[in-house]
C-alpha atoms as a PDB file:
ATOM      1  CA  MET A   1      78.348  -2.702 -39.559  1.00  0.00           C
ATOM      2  CA  PHE A   2      80.653   0.307 -39.100  1.00  0.00           C
ATOM      3  CA  THR A   3      82.843  -1.494 -36.592  1.00  0.00           C
ATOM      4  CA  GLY A   4      82.965  -4.601 -38.752  1.00  0.00           C
ATOM      5  CA  VAL A   5      84.150  -2.593 -41.764  1.00  0.00           C
ATOM      6  CA  ARG A   6      86.771  -0.795 -39.701  1.00  0.00           C
ATOM      7  CA  ALA A   7      88.086  -4.078 -38.309  1.00  0.00           C
ATOM      8  CA  TYR A   8      88.242  -5.642 -41.772  1.00  0.00           C
ATOM      9  CA  LEU A   9      90.077  -2.674 -43.282  1.00  0.00           C
ATOM     10  CA  ASP A  10      92.539  -2.651 -40.368  1.00  0.00           C
ATOM     11  CA  ASP A  11      93.244  -6.364 -40.780  1.00  0.00           C
ATOM     12  CA  HIS A  12      93.794  -6.024 -44.531  1.00  0.00           C
ATOM     13  CA  SER A  13      95.610  -2.701 -44.726  1.00  0.00           C
ATOM     14  CA  ALA A  14      98.454  -4.284 -46.695  1.00  0.00           C
ATOM     15  CA  GLY A  15      96.081  -4.643 -49.625  1.00  0.00           C
ATOM     16  CA  TYR A  16      95.661  -0.889 -50.171  1.00  0.00           C
ATOM     17  CA  THR A  17      98.736   0.874 -48.763  1.00  0.00           C
ATOM     18  CA  ASP A  18      99.860   1.798 -52.271  1.00  0.00           C
ATOM     19  CA  ASN A  19      96.509   3.485 -53.012  1.00  0.00           C
ATOM     20  CA  GLU A  20      96.931   6.940 -51.492  1.00  0.00           C
ATOM     21  CA  GLU A  21      93.374   8.189 -51.938  1.00  0.00           C
ATOM     22  CA  PHE A  22      91.804   4.961 -50.678  1.00  0.00           C
ATOM     23  CA  THR A  23      94.064   5.018 -47.610  1.00  0.00           C
ATOM     24  CA  GLU A  24      93.074   8.614 -46.910  1.00  0.00           C
ATOM     25  CA  HIS A  25      89.397   7.714 -47.114  1.00  0.00           C
ATOM     26  CA  VAL A  26      89.890   4.816 -44.703  1.00  0.00           C
ATOM     27  CA  ASN A  27      91.724   7.047 -42.220  1.00  0.00           C
ATOM     28  CA  THR A  28      88.928   9.613 -42.427  1.00  0.00           C
ATOM     29  CA  PHE A  29      86.354   6.899 -41.825  1.00  0.00           C
ATOM     30  CA  LYS A  30      88.209   5.651 -38.756  1.00  0.00           C
ATOM     31  CA  SER A  31      88.528   9.195 -37.440  1.00  0.00           C
ATOM     32  CA  ILE A  32      84.769   9.693 -37.748  1.00  0.00           C
ATOM     33  CA  LEU A  33      84.120   6.466 -35.844  1.00  0.00           C
ATOM     34  CA  HIS A  34      86.468   7.656 -33.113  1.00  0.00           C
ATOM     35  CA  ASN A  35      84.425  10.866 -32.842  1.00  0.00           C
ATOM     36  CA  ILE A  36      81.219   8.846 -32.592  1.00  0.00           C
ATOM     37  CA  GLU A  37      82.655   6.787 -29.757  1.00  0.00           C
ATOM     38  CA  SER A  38      83.858   9.892 -27.893  1.00  0.00           C
ATOM     39  CA  ILE A  39      80.499  11.648 -28.171  1.00  0.00           C
ATOM     40  CA  GLU A  40      78.605   8.522 -27.160  1.00  0.00           C
ATOM     41  CA  ASN A  41      80.732   8.209 -24.026  1.00  0.00           C
ATOM     42  CA  GLU A  42      80.161  11.860 -23.169  1.00  0.00           C
ATOM     43  CA  ARG A  43      76.458  11.503 -23.865  1.00  0.00           C
ATOM     44  CA  SER A  44      76.171   8.582 -21.463  1.00  0.00           C
ATOM     45  CA  LYS A  45      78.125  10.332 -18.727  1.00  0.00           C
ATOM     46  CA  SER A  46      75.994  13.479 -19.009  1.00  0.00           C
ATOM     47  CA  THR A  47      72.938  11.572 -17.863  1.00  0.00           C
ATOM     48  CA  THR A  48      74.260   8.715 -15.752  1.00  0.00           C
ATOM     49  CA  GLY A  49      76.306  10.821 -13.341  1.00  0.00           C
ATOM     50  CA  LYS A  50      73.602  13.409 -12.835  1.00  0.00           C
ATOM     51  CA  VAL A  51      70.827  10.879 -12.304  1.00  0.00           C
ATOM     52  CA  ARG A  52      73.014   9.138  -9.743  1.00  0.00           C
ATOM     53  CA  ASN A  53      73.637  12.459  -7.984  1.00  0.00           C
ATOM     54  CA  LYS A  54      69.936  13.280  -8.031  1.00  0.00           C
ATOM     55  CA  MET A  55      69.067   9.941  -6.483  1.00  0.00           C
ATOM     56  CA  GLU A  56      71.661  10.433  -3.748  1.00  0.00           C
ATOM     57  CA  MET A  57      70.199  13.842  -2.951  1.00  0.00           C
ATOM     58  CA  ARG A  58      66.665  12.410  -3.014  1.00  0.00           C
ATOM     59  CA  ASN A  59      67.568   9.655  -0.580  1.00  0.00           C
ATOM     60  CA  ALA A  60      69.368  12.044   1.781  1.00  0.00           C
ATOM     61  CA  ALA A  61      66.481  14.541   1.792  1.00  0.00           C
ATOM     62  CA  THR A  62      63.984  11.720   2.340  1.00  0.00           C
ATOM     63  CA  ASP A  63      65.936  10.333   5.313  1.00  0.00           C
ATOM     64  CA  HIS A  64      66.108  13.739   6.960  1.00  0.00           C
ATOM     65  CA  GLY A  65      62.432  14.356   6.233  1.00  0.00           C
ATOM     66  CA  LEU A  66      61.445  11.083   7.899  1.00  0.00           C
ATOM     67  CA  ALA A  67      63.566  11.934  10.943  1.00  0.00           C
ATOM     68  CA  VAL A  68      61.867  15.296  11.372  1.00  0.00           C
ATOM     69  CA  ALA A  69      58.417  13.868  10.656  1.00  0.00           C
ATOM     70  CA  GLY A  70      59.020  11.122  13.200  1.00  0.00           C
ATOM     71  CA  ALA A  71      59.893  13.666  15.866  1.00  0.00           C
ATOM     72  CA  ILE A  72      56.764  15.703  15.112  1.00  0.00           C
ATOM     73  CA  TYR A  73      54.639  12.538  15.187  1.00  0.00           C
ATOM     74  CA  SER A  74      55.986  11.569  18.608  1.00  0.00           C
ATOM     75  CA  TYR A  75      55.429  15.074  19.914  1.00  0.00           C
ATOM     76  CA  ALA A  76      51.854  15.133  18.568  1.00  0.00           C
ATOM     77  CA  LYS A  77      51.111  11.687  20.001  1.00  0.00           C
ATOM     78  CA  LYS A  78      52.261  12.766  23.447  1.00  0.00           C
ATOM     79  CA  LYS A  79      50.069  15.860  23.202  1.00  0.00           C
ATOM     80  CA  GLY A  80      47.110  13.880  21.889  1.00  0.00           C
ATOM     81  CA  ASP A  81      46.966  15.987  18.708  1.00  0.00           C
ATOM     82  CA  ILE A  82      45.456  13.503  16.246  1.00  0.00           C
ATOM     83  CA  LEU A  83      45.353  15.942  13.312  1.00  0.00           C
ATOM     84  CA  LEU A  84      49.024  16.805  13.706  1.00  0.00           C
ATOM     85  CA  MET A  85      49.905  13.120  13.930  1.00  0.00           C
ATOM     86  CA  GLU A  86      48.062  12.376  10.698  1.00  0.00           C
ATOM     87  CA  SER A  87      49.722  15.278   8.880  1.00  0.00           C
ATOM     88  CA  VAL A  88      53.186  13.784   9.417  1.00  0.00           C
ATOM     89  CA  ASN A  89      52.331  10.096   9.357  1.00  0.00           C
ATOM     90  CA  PHE A  90      54.922   9.223   6.706  1.00  0.00           C
ATOM     91  CA  LYS A  91      56.786   6.000   6.001  1.00  0.00           C
ATOM     92  CA  ILE A  92      59.606   5.432   3.509  1.00  0.00           C
ATOM     93  CA  SER A  93      57.308   3.357   1.265  1.00  0.00           C
ATOM     94  CA  HIS A  94      54.887   6.283   1.151  1.00  0.00           C
ATOM     95  CA  LEU A  95      57.475   8.877   0.142  1.00  0.00           C
ATOM     96  CA  ASN A  96      59.087   6.577  -2.424  1.00  0.00           C
ATOM     97  CA  LYS A  97      55.842   6.573  -4.393  1.00  0.00           C
ATOM     98  CA  TYR A  98      56.177  10.253  -5.200  1.00  0.00           C
ATOM     99  CA  ARG A  99      57.824  11.655  -8.265  1.00  0.00           C
ATOM    100  CA  ASP A 100      60.423  14.333  -7.615  1.00  0.00           C
ATOM    101  CA  ALA A 101      58.063  17.325  -7.673  1.00  0.00           C
ATOM    102  CA  GLY A 102      55.593  15.667  -5.337  1.00  0.00           C
ATOM    103  CA  LEU A 103      58.296  14.607  -2.909  1.00  0.00           C
ATOM    104  CA  VAL A 104      59.693  18.135  -2.733  1.00  0.00           C
ATOM    105  CA  ILE A 105      56.203  19.402  -1.801  1.00  0.00           C
ATOM    106  CA  GLU A 106      55.907  16.847   0.997  1.00  0.00           C
ATOM    107  CA  LEU A 107      59.368  17.617   2.349  1.00  0.00           C
ATOM    108  CA  ILE A 108      58.645  21.332   2.411  1.00  0.00           C
ATOM    109  CA  SER A 109      55.383  20.585   4.196  1.00  0.00           C
ATOM    110  CA  ILE A 110      57.280  18.650   6.867  1.00  0.00           C
ATOM    111  CA  LYS A 111      59.752  21.519   7.203  1.00  0.00           C
ATOM    112  CA  ASP A 112      56.986  24.127   7.560  1.00  0.00           C
ATOM    113  CA  THR A 113      55.227  22.013  10.183  1.00  0.00           C
ATOM    114  CA  ALA A 114      58.471  21.618  12.104  1.00  0.00           C
ATOM    115  CA  LEU A 115      58.934  25.387  12.134  1.00  0.00           C
ATOM    116  CA  ARG A 116      55.790  25.708  14.236  1.00  0.00           C
ATOM    117  CA  PHE A 117      57.236  23.510  16.964  1.00  0.00           C
ATOM    118  CA  ARG A 118      60.974  24.126  16.742  1.00  0.00           C
ATOM    119  CA  GLU A 119      61.520  24.654  20.460  1.00  0.00           C
ATOM    120  CA  ASP A 120      59.444  21.635  21.454  1.00  0.00           C
ATOM    121  CA  LEU A 121      61.199  19.396  18.924  1.00  0.00           C
ATOM    122  CA  THR A 122      64.622  19.929  20.466  1.00  0.00           C
ATOM    123  CA  ARG A 123      63.573  17.414  23.147  1.00  0.00           C
ATOM    124  CA  TYR A 124      63.072  14.921  20.312  1.00  0.00           C
ATOM    125  CA  GLY A 125      66.506  15.392  18.783  1.00  0.00           C
ATOM    126  CA  ILE A 126      65.611  18.006  16.176  1.00  0.00           C
ATOM    127  CA  THR A 127      68.080  20.681  17.167  1.00  0.00           C
ATOM    128  CA  ALA A 128      68.705  23.931  15.330  1.00  0.00           C
ATOM    129  CA  ASP A 129      71.646  22.296  13.547  1.00  0.00           C
ATOM    130  CA  SER A 130      69.694  19.241  12.464  1.00  0.00           C
ATOM    131  CA  PHE A 131      66.822  21.408  11.245  1.00  0.00           C
ATOM    132  CA  THR A 132      69.247  23.539   9.212  1.00  0.00           C
ATOM    133  CA  GLU A 133      70.740  20.373   7.756  1.00  0.00           C
ATOM    134  CA  PHE A 134      67.263  19.234   6.727  1.00  0.00           C
ATOM    135  CA  GLU A 135      66.684  22.552   4.955  1.00  0.00           C
ATOM    136  CA  GLU A 136      70.027  22.152   3.176  1.00  0.00           C
ATOM    137  CA  LYS A 137      69.149  18.640   2.021  1.00  0.00           C
ATOM    138  CA  ILE A 138      65.895  19.897   0.518  1.00  0.00           C
ATOM    139  CA  ALA A 139      67.791  22.682  -1.271  1.00  0.00           C
ATOM    140  CA  GLN A 140      70.442  20.266  -2.556  1.00  0.00           C
ATOM    141  CA  TYR A 141      67.792  17.871  -3.813  1.00  0.00           C
ATOM    142  CA  THR A 142      65.954  20.688  -5.584  1.00  0.00           C
ATOM    143  CA  ASP A 143      69.205  21.889  -7.154  1.00  0.00           C
ATOM    144  CA  ALA A 144      70.027  18.353  -8.281  1.00  0.00           C
ATOM    145  CA  LEU A 145      66.734  18.224 -10.167  1.00  0.00           C
ATOM    146  CA  GLY A 146      67.810  21.276 -12.152  1.00  0.00           C
ATOM    147  CA  VAL A 147      71.243  19.757 -12.847  1.00  0.00           C
ATOM    148  CA  ARG A 148      69.592  16.584 -14.032  1.00  0.00           C
ATOM    149  CA  ASN A 149      67.500  18.565 -16.526  1.00  0.00           C
ATOM    150  CA  THR A 150      70.688  20.167 -17.823  1.00  0.00           C
ATOM    151  CA  GLY A 151      72.151  16.714 -18.246  1.00  0.00           C
ATOM    152  CA  ALA A 152      69.153  15.636 -20.292  1.00  0.00           C
ATOM    153  CA  ALA A 153      69.653  18.656 -22.552  1.00  0.00           C
ATOM    154  CA  THR A 154      73.318  17.756 -22.984  1.00  0.00           C
ATOM    155  CA  LYS A 155      72.328  14.228 -23.882  1.00  0.00           C
ATOM    156  CA  SER A 156      69.866  15.505 -26.479  1.00  0.00           C
ATOM    157  CA  GLY A 157      72.470  17.821 -27.957  1.00  0.00           C
ATOM    158  CA  ALA A 158      75.011  15.016 -28.206  1.00  0.00           C
ATOM    159  CA  LYS A 159      72.431  12.860 -29.955  1.00  0.00           C
ATOM    160  CA  LYS A 160      71.892  15.520 -32.623  1.00  0.00           C
ATOM    161  CA  THR A 161      75.634  15.833 -33.092  1.00  0.00           C
ATOM    162  CA  MET A 162      75.961  12.084 -33.501  1.00  0.00           C
ATOM    163  CA  GLN A 163      73.227  12.009 -36.118  1.00  0.00           C
ATOM    164  CA  THR A 164      75.247  14.522 -38.139  1.00  0.00           C
ATOM    165  CA  ILE A 165      78.440  12.519 -37.744  1.00  0.00           C
ATOM    166  CA  PHE A 166      76.661   9.319 -38.739  1.00  0.00           C
ATOM    167  CA  ARG A 167      75.761  10.989 -42.006  1.00  0.00           C
ATOM    168  CA  GLU A 168      79.431  11.860 -42.496  1.00  0.00           C
ATOM    169  CA  ALA A 169      80.353   8.234 -41.850  1.00  0.00           C
ATOM    170  CA  ASP A 170      77.774   7.073 -44.383  1.00  0.00           C
ATOM    171  CA  ASN A 171      79.061   9.534 -46.962  1.00  0.00           C
ATOM    172  CA  ILE A 172      82.707   8.534 -46.594  1.00  0.00           C
ATOM    173  CA  LEU A 173      81.729   4.862 -46.644  1.00  0.00           C
ATOM    174  CA  ASP A 174      79.831   5.455 -49.877  1.00  0.00           C
ATOM    175  CA  SER A 175      83.027   6.836 -51.405  1.00  0.00           C
ATOM    176  CA  ILE A 176      85.011   3.847 -50.130  1.00  0.00           C
ATOM    177  CA  ASP A 177      82.414   1.550 -51.739  1.00  0.00           C
ATOM    178  CA  ARG A 178      83.041   3.197 -55.086  1.00  0.00           C
ATOM    179  CA  LEU A 179      86.803   3.121 -54.741  1.00  0.00           C
ATOM    180  CA  MET A 180      86.521  -0.551 -53.821  1.00  0.00           C
ATOM    181  CA  ASN A 181      85.328  -1.327 -57.382  1.00  0.00           C
ATOM    182  CA  LYS A 182      88.959  -1.183 -58.464  1.00  0.00           C
ATOM    183  CA  PHE A 183      89.846  -4.004 -56.081  1.00  0.00           C
ATOM    184  CA  LYS A 184      87.212  -6.258 -57.631  1.00  0.00           C
ATOM    185  CA  ILE A 185      89.576  -6.387 -60.577  1.00  0.00           C
ATOM    186  CA  ILE A 186      92.979  -6.452 -58.896  1.00  0.00           C
ATOM    187  CA  ASP A 187      92.144  -8.246 -55.616  1.00  0.00           C
ATOM    188  CA  PRO A 188      88.805 -10.113 -55.770  1.00  0.00           C
ATOM    189  CA  ASP A 189      89.270 -11.737 -52.357  1.00  0.00           C
ATOM    190  CA  PHE A 190      89.828  -8.389 -50.631  1.00  0.00           C
ATOM    191  CA  HIS A 191      86.807  -6.967 -52.456  1.00  0.00           C
ATOM    192  CA  ALA A 192      84.577  -9.912 -51.478  1.00  0.00           C
ATOM    193  CA  GLY A 193      85.639  -9.738 -47.831  1.00  0.00           C
ATOM    194  CA  TYR A 194      84.877  -6.034 -47.727  1.00  0.00           C
ATOM    195  CA  LYS A 195      81.402  -6.592 -49.178  1.00  0.00           C
ATOM    196  CA  SER A 196      80.723  -9.217 -46.514  1.00  0.00           C
ATOM    197  CA  ALA A 197      81.847  -6.853 -43.764  1.00  0.00           C
ATOM    198  CA  ARG A 198      79.488  -4.207 -45.143  1.00  0.00           C
ATOM    199  CA  VAL A 199      76.400  -6.360 -44.539  1.00  0.00           C
ATOM    200  CA  ILE A 200      77.307  -8.118 -41.265  1.00  0.00           C
ATOM    201  CA  LYS A 201      75.189  -6.903 -38.359  1.00  0.00           C
ATOM    202  CA  ASP A 202      77.156  -6.461 -35.175  1.00  0.00           C
ATOM    203  CA  LEU A 203      76.852  -4.707 -31.812  1.00  0.00           C
ATOM    204  CA  GLY A 204      78.236  -1.515 -33.246  1.00  0.00           C
ATOM    205  CA  TYR A 205      76.344   1.717 -33.709  1.00  0.00           C
ATOM    206  CA  ARG A 206      72.798   2.675 -34.458  1.00  0.00           C
ATOM    207  CA  HIS A 207      71.938   5.722 -36.508  1.00  0.00           C
ATOM    208  CA  THR A 208      69.504   6.966 -33.873  1.00  0.00           C
ATOM    209  CA  GLY A 209      72.385   8.327 -31.861  1.00  0.00           C
ATOM    210  CA  GLY A 210      73.885   5.571 -29.735  1.00  0.00           C
ATOM    211  CA  PHE A 211      75.327   2.104 -29.582  1.00  0.00           C
ATOM    212  CA  ALA A 212      73.095  -0.584 -31.017  1.00  0.00           C
ATOM    213  CA  ARG A 213      71.935  -3.267 -28.613  1.00  0.00           C
ATOM    214  CA  ASN A 214      69.825  -5.320 -30.940  1.00  0.00           C
ATOM    215  CA  GLY A 215      72.183  -5.644 -33.886  1.00  0.00           C
ATOM    216  CA  ASN A 216      70.333  -3.030 -35.920  1.00  0.00           C
ATOM    217  CA  THR A 217      73.058  -1.195 -37.797  1.00  0.00           C
ATOM    218  CA  SER A 218      71.235  -0.708 -41.050  1.00  0.00           C
ATOM    219  CA  GLY A 219      70.286   2.881 -40.316  1.00  0.00           C
ATOM    220  CA  GLU A 220      66.659   2.056 -39.598  1.00  0.00           C
ATOM    221  CA  VAL A 221      65.158   3.621 -36.530  1.00  0.00           C
ATOM    222  CA  SER A 222      64.596   1.126 -33.752  1.00  0.00           C
ATOM    223  CA  ASN A 223      63.075   1.572 -30.324  1.00  0.00           C
ATOM    224  CA  ALA A 224      64.743  -1.558 -29.001  1.00  0.00           C
ATOM    225  CA  GLY A 225      67.731  -1.106 -26.773  1.00  0.00           C
ATOM    226  CA  ASN A 226      66.714   2.280 -25.410  1.00  0.00           C
ATOM    227  CA  GLU A 227      68.151   3.060 -21.979  1.00  0.00           C
ATOM    228  CA  PRO A 228      65.783   2.194 -19.139  1.00  0.00           C
ATOM    229  CA  ASN A 229      64.643   4.890 -16.760  1.00  0.00           C
ATOM    230  CA  PRO A 230      67.010   4.491 -13.761  1.00  0.00           C
ATOM    231  CA  GLU A 231      64.490   6.118 -11.442  1.00  0.00           C
ATOM    232  CA  ARG A 232      61.623   3.650 -11.936  1.00  0.00           C
ATOM    233  CA  GLU A 233      59.394   5.878  -9.866  1.00  0.00           C
ATOM    234  CA  THR A 234      55.698   5.233  -9.492  1.00  0.00           C
ATOM    235  CA  VAL A 235      53.165   7.970 -10.084  1.00  0.00           C
ATOM    236  CA  LYS A 236      51.182   8.612  -6.964  1.00  0.00           C
END
Protein backbone atom coordinates (compact mmCIF):
# COMPACT_ATOMS: atom_id res chain seq x y z
CA MET A 1 0.00 0.00 0.00
CA PHE A 2 2.87 2.39 0.79
CA THR A 3 4.33 2.12 -2.69
CA GLY A 4 0.92 2.53 -4.28
CA VAL A 5 0.28 5.74 -2.34
CA ARG A 6 3.70 7.11 -3.21
CA ALA A 7 3.18 6.36 -6.90
CA TYR A 8 -0.25 7.99 -6.89
CA LEU A 9 0.99 11.13 -5.14
CA ASP A 10 3.93 11.37 -7.56
CA ASP A 11 1.63 11.06 -10.57
CA HIS A 12 -0.75 13.72 -9.25
CA SER A 13 1.67 16.20 -7.72
CA ALA A 14 0.17 19.04 -9.76
CA GLY A 15 -2.95 18.78 -7.63
CA TYR A 16 -1.24 19.87 -4.40
CA THR A 17 1.82 21.95 -5.31
CA ASP A 18 0.15 25.08 -3.96
CA ASN A 19 -0.45 23.42 -0.57
CA GLU A 20 2.87 23.90 1.22
CA GLU A 21 2.16 21.78 4.29
CA PHE A 22 0.66 18.91 2.30
CA THR A 23 3.67 18.92 -0.04
CA GLU A 24 6.02 18.82 2.93
CA HIS A 25 4.17 15.85 4.38
CA VAL A 26 4.37 14.00 1.06
CA ASN A 27 8.11 14.65 0.80
CA THR A 28 8.61 13.37 4.34
CA PHE A 29 6.61 10.26 3.53
CA LYS A 30 8.71 9.57 0.44
CA SER A 31 11.90 10.11 2.43
CA ILE A 32 10.78 7.54 5.00
CA LEU A 33 10.05 5.01 2.26
CA HIS A 34 13.51 5.61 0.84
CA ASN A 35 14.99 4.83 4.27
CA ILE A 36 12.95 1.63 4.46
CA GLU A 37 14.26 0.52 1.09
CA SER A 38 17.87 1.29 2.05
CA ILE A 39 17.65 -0.61 5.33
CA GLU A 40 15.92 -3.56 3.68
CA ASN A 41 18.72 -3.81 1.12
CA GLU A 42 21.35 -3.66 3.85
CA ARG A 43 19.45 -6.21 5.90
CA SER A 44 19.38 -8.66 3.00
CA LYS A 45 23.06 -8.20 2.21
CA SER A 46 24.06 -8.75 5.85
CA THR A 47 22.80 -12.31 5.71
CA THR A 48 23.06 -13.34 2.07
CA GLY A 49 26.74 -12.52 1.62
CA LYS A 50 27.81 -14.12 4.87
CA VAL A 51 25.80 -17.30 4.33
CA ARG A 52 27.34 -17.59 0.88
CA ASN A 53 30.82 -17.14 2.36
CA LYS A 54 30.10 -19.71 5.05
CA MET A 55 28.97 -22.24 2.48
CA GLU A 56 32.10 -21.66 0.40
CA MET A 57 34.26 -22.23 3.46
CA ARG A 58 32.24 -25.33 4.39
CA ASN A 59 32.67 -26.83 0.94
CA ALA A 60 36.41 -26.09 0.85
CA ALA A 61 36.99 -27.58 4.32
CA THR A 62 34.92 -30.64 3.40
CA ASP A 63 36.90 -31.24 0.19
CA HIS A 64 40.20 -31.05 2.03
CA GLY A 65 38.87 -33.27 4.81
CA LEU A 66 37.83 -35.94 2.31
CA ALA A 67 41.25 -35.80 0.64
CA VAL A 68 43.04 -36.36 3.94
CA ALA A 69 40.56 -39.02 5.06
CA GLY A 70 40.98 -40.81 1.74
CA ALA A 71 44.75 -40.91 2.18
CA ILE A 72 44.42 -42.29 5.71
CA TYR A 73 41.91 -44.89 4.51
CA SER A 74 44.27 -46.09 1.78
CA TYR A 75 47.15 -46.23 4.23
CA ALA A 76 45.06 -48.19 6.76
CA LYS A 77 43.82 -50.59 4.08
CA LYS A 78 47.37 -51.35 2.98
CA LYS A 79 48.35 -51.98 6.60
CA GLY A 80 45.26 -54.09 7.25
CA ASP A 81 44.13 -51.77 10.06
CA ILE A 82 40.35 -52.26 9.95
CA LEU A 83 39.62 -49.95 12.90
CA LEU A 84 41.59 -47.11 11.36
CA MET A 85 39.83 -47.64 8.04
CA GLU A 86 36.42 -47.43 9.69
CA SER A 87 37.35 -44.27 11.60
CA VAL A 88 37.94 -42.36 8.36
CA ASN A 89 35.42 -44.06 6.11
CA PHE A 90 33.77 -40.82 4.99
CA LYS A 91 31.91 -39.93 1.81
CA ILE A 92 30.63 -36.52 0.72
CA SER A 93 27.01 -37.61 1.28
CA HIS A 94 27.91 -38.55 4.85
CA LEU A 95 29.54 -35.22 5.71
CA ASN A 96 26.79 -33.20 4.04
CA LYS A 97 24.31 -34.57 6.56
CA TYR A 98 26.02 -32.78 9.42
CA ARG A 99 25.12 -29.36 10.67
CA ASP A 100 28.03 -26.94 10.98
CA ALA A 101 29.03 -27.84 14.55
CA GLY A 102 28.97 -31.56 13.83
CA LEU A 103 30.98 -31.17 10.64
CA VAL A 104 33.66 -29.16 12.43
CA ILE A 105 34.00 -32.00 14.98
CA GLU A 106 34.44 -34.57 12.22
CA LEU A 107 36.99 -32.46 10.37
CA ILE A 108 39.03 -31.96 13.52
CA SER A 109 38.86 -35.70 14.12
CA ILE A 110 40.27 -36.33 10.64
CA LYS A 111 43.02 -33.78 11.28
CA ASP A 112 43.97 -35.34 14.64
CA THR A 113 44.08 -38.81 13.08
CA ALA A 114 46.28 -37.52 10.28
CA LEU A 115 48.70 -36.08 12.82
CA ARG A 116 49.45 -39.60 14.04
CA PHE A 117 50.60 -40.68 10.59
CA ARG A 118 51.99 -37.51 9.05
CA GLU A 119 55.21 -39.05 7.78
CA ASP A 120 53.48 -42.09 6.32
CA LEU A 121 50.84 -39.96 4.60
CA THR A 122 53.37 -38.06 2.53
CA ARG A 123 53.51 -41.13 0.26
CA TYR A 124 49.78 -40.63 -0.28
CA GLY A 125 50.02 -36.98 -1.28
CA ILE A 126 49.38 -35.42 2.12
CA THR A 127 52.49 -33.30 2.37
CA ALA A 128 53.28 -30.82 5.12
CA ASP A 129 51.92 -28.03 2.92
CA SER A 130 48.68 -29.81 2.12
CA PHE A 131 48.17 -30.68 5.79
CA THR A 132 48.71 -27.04 6.77
CA GLU A 133 46.22 -25.99 4.11
CA PHE A 134 43.68 -28.41 5.57
CA GLU A 135 44.18 -26.87 9.02
CA GLU A 136 43.69 -23.41 7.51
CA LYS A 137 40.46 -24.46 5.80
CA ILE A 138 39.07 -25.73 9.10
CA ALA A 139 40.02 -22.44 10.78
CA GLN A 140 38.47 -20.39 7.97
CA TYR A 141 35.28 -22.41 8.12
CA THR A 142 35.07 -21.98 11.90
CA ASP A 143 35.67 -18.24 11.56
CA ALA A 144 32.98 -18.01 8.88
CA LEU A 145 30.47 -19.50 11.30
CA GLY A 146 31.18 -16.65 13.71
CA VAL A 147 30.85 -14.06 10.92
CA ARG A 148 27.55 -15.59 9.91
CA ASN A 149 26.24 -15.19 13.46
CA THR A 150 27.25 -11.54 13.35
CA GLY A 151 25.34 -11.19 10.12
CA ALA A 152 22.24 -12.64 11.74
CA ALA A 153 22.54 -10.08 14.54
CA THR A 154 22.84 -7.29 11.98
CA LYS A 155 19.76 -8.57 10.23
CA SER A 156 17.83 -8.61 13.51
CA GLY A 157 18.95 -5.09 14.33
CA ALA A 158 17.90 -3.82 10.91
CA LYS A 159 14.50 -5.44 11.38
CA LYS A 160 13.96 -3.55 14.64
CA THR A 161 14.99 -0.32 12.96
CA MET A 162 12.55 -0.94 10.14
CA GLN A 163 9.71 -1.57 12.56
CA THR A 164 10.37 1.87 14.05
CA ILE A 165 10.47 3.51 10.63
CA PHE A 166 7.26 1.77 9.60
CA ARG A 167 5.57 3.43 12.54
CA GLU A 168 6.89 6.78 11.33
CA ALA A 169 5.49 6.06 7.88
CA ASP A 170 2.11 5.18 9.38
CA ASN A 171 2.09 8.36 11.44
CA ILE A 172 2.92 10.65 8.53
CA LEU A 173 0.38 8.85 6.35
CA ASP A 174 -2.25 9.41 9.04
CA SER A 175 -1.53 13.14 8.85
CA ILE A 176 -1.75 13.06 5.05
CA ASP A 177 -5.13 11.30 5.37
CA ARG A 178 -6.42 14.17 7.47
CA LEU A 179 -5.01 16.84 5.20
CA MET A 180 -6.62 15.03 2.28
CA ASN A 181 -10.09 15.91 3.67
CA LYS A 182 -9.65 19.35 2.15
CA PHE A 183 -9.30 17.85 -1.32
CA LYS A 184 -12.62 16.05 -0.97
CA ILE A 185 -14.12 19.50 -1.30
CA ILE A 186 -11.84 21.14 -3.86
CA ASP A 187 -10.77 18.11 -5.93
CA PRO A 188 -13.05 15.08 -5.41
CA ASP A 189 -11.37 13.02 -8.13
CA PHE A 190 -7.92 13.45 -6.58
CA HIS A 191 -9.36 12.58 -3.16
CA ALA A 192 -11.11 9.45 -4.48
CA GLY A 193 -7.99 8.24 -6.27
CA TYR A 194 -5.94 8.68 -3.13
CA LYS A 195 -8.44 6.68 -1.08
CA SER A 196 -8.26 3.87 -3.63
CA ALA A 197 -4.47 3.86 -3.50
CA ARG A 198 -4.65 3.61 0.29
CA VAL A 199 -6.47 0.26 0.18
CA ILE A 200 -4.82 -1.42 -2.83
CA LYS A 201 -2.63 -4.34 -1.81
CA ASP A 202 0.60 -4.52 -3.75
CA LEU A 203 4.03 -6.15 -3.50
CA GLY A 204 5.32 -3.33 -1.36
CA TYR A 205 6.32 -3.57 2.27
CA ARG A 206 5.21 -5.59 5.23
CA HIS A 207 5.25 -4.18 8.73
CA THR A 208 7.17 -7.19 10.05
CA GLY A 209 10.37 -5.72 8.72
CA GLY A 210 10.77 -6.59 5.06
CA PHE A 211 9.26 -6.59 1.61
CA ALA A 212 5.89 -8.27 1.37
CA ARG A 213 5.69 -11.32 -0.86
CA ASN A 214 2.08 -12.22 -0.36
CA GLY A 215 0.46 -8.83 -0.84
CA ASN A 216 -0.06 -8.32 2.89
CA THR A 217 0.52 -4.62 3.42
CA SER A 218 -2.16 -4.03 5.99
CA GLY A 219 0.23 -4.12 8.93
CA GLU A 220 -0.89 -7.56 10.07
CA VAL A 221 1.83 -10.00 10.95
CA SER A 222 2.21 -12.74 8.38
CA ASN A 223 4.52 -15.73 8.31
CA ALA A 224 4.15 -16.12 4.56
CA GLY A 225 7.00 -14.96 2.42
CA ASN A 226 9.71 -15.52 5.01
CA GLU A 227 13.16 -16.14 3.53
CA PRO A 228 13.98 -19.83 3.17
CA ASN A 229 16.98 -21.27 4.94
CA PRO A 230 19.70 -21.28 2.23
CA GLU A 231 21.58 -24.05 3.99
CA ARG A 232 18.84 -26.70 3.93
CA GLU A 233 20.99 -28.94 6.07
CA THR A 234 19.70 -32.18 7.51
CA VAL A 235 20.10 -32.98 11.18
CA LYS A 236 22.16 -36.09 11.62
